[in-house]
Amino acid sequence: MTEVLRVEAGELSADELIDALNEGRRILVDVEVAGGTHEIVLRYDGETYHCDTPTNLHRHAEETEMRGCIVRMGYAADE
């Protein structure tokens, strides 16, 4: 089983996050929202990228879609 990677939002670049996903790693991202910390789970099953938030599950068929979501949601470091 591949090791889980835990990061804070903005700690890694979008490229680093995508690389880890493509290696099969599950990524736990700690995000501050409304004064509290929430855990977001990013994963890739070999076919579909998943972004599990406390309120929603986003699915992306393409790497470029997942990259856009990671950047748009602020999970990656500013480049």
Protein backbone atom coordinates (compact mmCIF):
# COMPACT_ATOMS: atom_id res chain seq x y z
CA MET A 1 0.00 0.00 0.00
CA THR A 2 1.29 3.44 -0.89
CA GLU A 3 2.06 5.92 1.85
CA VAL A 4 -0.42 8.71 2.52
CA LEU A 5 0.93 12.22 2.02
CA ARG A 6 -0.36 14.88 4.46
CA VAL A 7 0.17 18.54 3.55
CA GLU A 8 -1.23 21.95 4.35
CA ALA A 9 -2.88 23.89 1.55
CA GLY A 10 -0.23 25.84 -0.35
CA GLU A 11 2.66 23.68 0.84
CA LEU A 12 3.30 21.94 -2.52
CA SER A 13 2.98 23.04 -6.13
CA ALA A 14 0.24 21.70 -8.40
CA ASP A 15 2.93 19.71 -10.26
CA GLU A 16 4.10 18.08 -7.03
CA LEU A 17 0.54 17.19 -6.04
CA ILE A 18 -0.26 15.75 -9.48
CA ASP A 19 3.00 13.76 -9.50
CA ALA A 20 2.17 12.24 -6.11
CA LEU A 21 -1.35 11.35 -7.29
CA ASN A 22 0.00 9.74 -10.46
CA GLU A 23 2.39 7.68 -8.29
CA GLY A 24 -0.69 6.28 -6.54
CA ARG A 25 -0.41 8.29 -3.34
CA ARG A 26 -3.47 9.49 -1.48
CA ILE A 27 -3.06 13.11 -0.38
CA LEU A 28 -4.66 14.62 2.71
CA VAL A 29 -4.77 18.41 2.48
CA ASP A 30 -5.53 20.47 5.57
CA VAL A 31 -7.49 23.57 4.54
CA GLU A 32 -8.63 26.44 6.74
CA VAL A 33 -12.24 27.40 6.10
CA ALA A 34 -14.39 29.72 8.22
CA GLY A 35 -12.00 29.61 11.15
CA GLY A 36 -11.68 25.82 11.22
CA THR A 37 -9.41 23.25 9.64
CA HIS A 38 -10.94 20.73 7.26
CA GLU A 39 -9.38 17.70 5.60
CA ILE A 40 -9.61 17.29 1.83
CA VAL A 41 -8.68 13.95 0.25
CA LEU A 42 -7.12 13.91 -3.22
CA ARG A 43 -6.71 10.56 -4.96
CA TYR A 44 -6.36 8.93 -8.34
CA ASP A 45 -7.63 5.42 -9.05
CA GLY A 46 -5.79 5.04 -12.35
CA GLU A 47 -8.75 6.29 -14.33
CA THR A 48 -10.42 9.12 -12.44
CA TYR A 49 -9.08 11.85 -10.16
CA HIS A 50 -11.11 12.41 -6.98
CA CYS A 51 -11.31 15.40 -4.68
CA ASP A 52 -13.28 14.54 -1.54
CA THR A 53 -14.32 17.54 0.54
CA PRO A 54 -16.48 17.50 3.68
CA THR A 55 -19.47 18.57 1.56
CA ASN A 56 -18.83 17.29 -1.96
CA LEU A 57 -17.01 14.77 -4.15
CA HIS A 58 -15.49 16.18 -7.32
CA ARG A 59 -14.45 13.76 -10.06
CA HIS A 60 -12.16 14.65 -12.93
CA ALA A 61 -11.49 12.44 -15.95
CA GLU A 62 -8.43 14.39 -17.12
CA GLU A 63 -5.25 15.44 -15.36
CA THR A 64 -5.70 19.01 -16.62
CA GLU A 65 -9.15 19.16 -14.97
CA MET A 66 -7.70 17.98 -11.65
CA ARG A 67 -4.83 20.45 -11.92
CA GLY A 68 -7.35 23.26 -12.49
CA CYS A 69 -9.37 22.19 -9.46
CA ILE A 70 -6.25 22.03 -7.26
CA VAL A 71 -5.23 25.54 -8.31
CA ARG A 72 -8.74 27.03 -8.22
CA MET A 73 -9.47 25.66 -4.74
CA GLY A 74 -6.14 26.91 -3.35
CA TYR A 75 -4.69 23.50 -2.46
CA ALA A 76 -1.42 24.21 -4.33
CA ALA A 77 1.29 26.79 -3.75
CA ASP A 78 1.11 29.89 -5.92
CA GLU A 79 3.44 29.46 -8.87
